[in-house]
Protein backbone atom coordinates (compact mmCIF):
# COMPACT_ATOMS: atom_id res chain seq x y z
CA UNK A 1 172.27 68.28 87.52
CA UNK A 2 171.63 71.91 86.28
CA UNK A 3 168.66 73.69 87.45
CA UNK A 4 167.02 76.32 85.34
CA UNK A 5 166.47 79.77 87.18
CA UNK A 6 162.97 79.82 88.25
CA UNK A 7 161.10 82.68 86.21
CA UNK A 8 159.64 85.14 88.72
CA UNK A 9 155.73 85.53 87.86
CA UNK A 10 154.52 89.29 87.21
CA UNK A 11 151.54 90.13 89.62
CA UNK A 12 148.58 92.95 89.62
CA UNK A 13 147.20 95.20 91.73
CA UNK A 14 144.59 98.14 91.09
CA UNK A 15 146.64 100.89 90.78
CA UNK A 16 144.09 103.60 91.38
CA UNK A 17 143.04 102.17 94.76
CA UNK A 18 146.49 100.45 96.14
CA UNK A 19 149.89 102.17 96.20
CA UNK A 20 153.44 100.25 97.41
CA UNK A 21 154.47 100.96 100.57
CA UNK A 22 157.01 99.57 102.90
CA UNK A 23 155.80 99.59 106.59
CA UNK A 24 159.59 100.24 108.84
CA UNK A 25 159.66 100.00 112.60
CA UNK A 26 161.56 102.94 114.17
CA UNK A 27 162.25 100.14 117.32
CA UNK A 28 163.42 97.01 115.44
CA UNK A 29 164.20 97.80 112.34
CA UNK A 30 162.02 95.35 111.14
CA UNK A 31 160.35 96.12 107.50
CA UNK A 32 157.36 94.66 105.57
CA UNK A 33 156.40 95.16 101.74
CA UNK A 34 152.93 95.58 101.16
CA UNK A 35 150.24 98.08 99.79
CA UNK A 36 148.27 100.81 101.41
CA UNK A 37 144.92 101.92 100.47
CA UNK A 38 144.49 105.07 99.17
CA UNK A 39 141.14 106.18 100.42
CA UNK A 40 141.38 104.47 103.87
CA UNK A 41 145.03 104.55 104.64
CA UNK A 42 144.61 100.60 105.93
CA UNK A 43 148.27 99.03 105.21
CA UNK A 44 147.95 94.94 103.59
CA UNK A 45 151.34 93.23 104.70
CA UNK A 46 152.49 91.26 101.88
CA UNK A 47 155.73 89.79 102.93
CA UNK A 48 158.54 90.42 105.01
CA UNK A 49 161.83 92.15 104.26
CA UNK A 50 165.02 90.90 105.60
CA UNK A 51 167.37 92.73 102.89
CA UNK A 52 167.61 94.45 99.84
CA UNK A 53 167.02 91.47 97.87
CA UNK A 54 163.88 90.65 99.06
CA UNK A 55 163.22 94.10 98.44
CA UNK A 56 164.24 93.49 94.57
CA UNK A 57 161.71 90.09 94.98
CA UNK A 58 158.91 92.46 95.85
CA UNK A 59 159.19 95.16 93.37
CA UNK A 60 159.95 92.38 90.26
CA UNK A 61 156.86 90.36 91.58
CA UNK A 62 154.36 93.17 91.21
CA UNK A 63 156.48 95.10 88.33
CA UNK A 64 157.33 98.18 90.86
CA UNK A 65 159.64 100.85 90.16
CA UNK A 66 161.82 101.74 93.77
CA UNK A 67 160.33 105.57 93.25
CA UNK A 68 156.83 104.38 93.45
CA UNK A 69 157.49 102.94 97.30
CA UNK A 70 156.34 104.62 99.80
CA UNK A 71 157.84 104.27 103.36
CA UNK A 72 155.54 104.27 106.41
CA UNK A 73 157.05 104.59 109.83
């Protein structure tokens, strides 16, 4: 009857090679969270951000602080 809250699993990423980022479209406002390669600059999409709750899930999943996320337009 009562469900337990699912515990979020913390995933890891290579902090020396990848930087967390949110890519936002100027025209549509669509946002995608992912990781930017520090050397090549290539962006790897992880999940669509529809609101603040989705961003919180992304940050909790990878153990990221809000200050660490770069915005890309």
